[in-house]
Every structure is written in structure tokens, then in C-alpha cells.
Amino acid sequence: MEKKLENLCKYKKEKLKEHFEEVKELVKDARFICKKCGRVSNDKKYLCKPEELY
């Protein structure tokens, strides 16, 4: 991945589409879920209220 993405929780639909390949890498093998919006990531730094899934 060439550049770091910001907080996934703040992404609107258009921005998710624009950065779809990068987002796919972040959600692959997700380990964290945001307690506020339900988005998932393999790194908690991309979520605003992360909680470990397992």
C-alpha cells in the first residue's frame, strides 16, 4: 500500500469507492470492529472506537 489511509469511520461512500483497493487490504483478516459504526480493520488505528474481535 503506497499511502496510509485516515480513519475508516469517517469515510463516506464515495471515498470508500475511490480507495477501494487500499480499504480491501485494511479489512482483510480484520481483528478490530468500531463500536460506533461497525466498520472493521486489521489495525485499530484506522477506527475511532476499536474493540478487538477475538
Protein backbone atom coordinates (compact mmCIF):
# COMPACT_ATOMS: atom_id res chain seq x y z
CA MET A 1 0.00 0.00 0.00
CA GLU A 2 1.53 3.26 -1.09
CA LYS A 3 -0.02 5.75 1.34
CA LYS A 4 -1.63 5.48 4.74
CA LEU A 5 -5.36 5.99 4.90
CA GLU A 6 -7.06 8.03 7.56
CA ASN A 7 -9.76 6.86 9.95
CA LEU A 8 -12.11 4.48 8.10
CA CYS A 9 -15.04 5.51 10.30
CA LYS A 10 -15.10 8.96 8.69
CA TYR A 11 -15.16 7.66 5.10
CA LYS A 12 -18.25 8.37 3.07
CA LYS A 13 -19.37 6.01 0.30
CA GLU A 14 -17.59 7.99 -2.44
CA LYS A 15 -14.26 7.95 -0.61
CA LEU A 16 -14.56 4.20 0.02
CA LYS A 17 -15.05 3.67 -3.71
CA GLU A 18 -12.10 5.92 -4.52
CA HIS A 19 -9.74 3.99 -2.21
CA PHE A 20 -11.33 0.55 -2.61
CA GLU A 21 -8.10 -1.44 -3.10
CA GLU A 22 -6.47 0.10 0.00
CA VAL A 23 -9.61 -0.49 2.05
CA LYS A 24 -9.69 -4.15 1.00
CA GLU A 25 -6.18 -4.59 2.43
CA LEU A 26 -7.23 -2.99 5.74
CA VAL A 27 -10.29 -5.17 6.23
CA LYS A 28 -8.66 -8.43 5.15
CA ASP A 29 -8.25 -10.62 8.25
CA ALA A 30 -9.99 -7.97 10.36
CA ARG A 31 -9.17 -8.10 14.08
CA PHE A 32 -10.98 -4.97 15.28
CA ILE A 33 -14.50 -3.57 14.98
CA CYS A 34 -15.61 0.01 15.63
CA LYS A 35 -18.14 0.14 18.47
CA LYS A 36 -19.64 3.31 16.96
CA CYS A 37 -20.22 2.46 13.27
CA GLY A 38 -19.43 -1.25 12.91
CA ARG A 39 -16.60 -0.89 10.40
CA VAL A 40 -13.75 -3.40 10.70
CA SER A 41 -9.98 -3.27 10.23
CA ASN A 42 -6.89 -5.36 10.81
CA ASP A 43 -5.34 -2.40 12.68
CA LYS A 44 -7.12 -0.44 15.42
CA LYS A 45 -5.53 2.87 14.38
CA TYR A 46 -7.99 3.10 11.46
CA LEU A 47 -11.10 3.02 13.70
CA CYS A 48 -12.46 5.67 16.09
CA LYS A 49 -13.76 3.29 18.81
CA PRO A 50 -11.94 -0.01 18.19
CA GLU A 51 -12.66 -3.21 20.08
CA GLU A 52 -10.83 -6.48 19.49
CA LEU A 53 -12.95 -9.12 17.76
CA TYR A 54 -11.06 -12.08 19.25
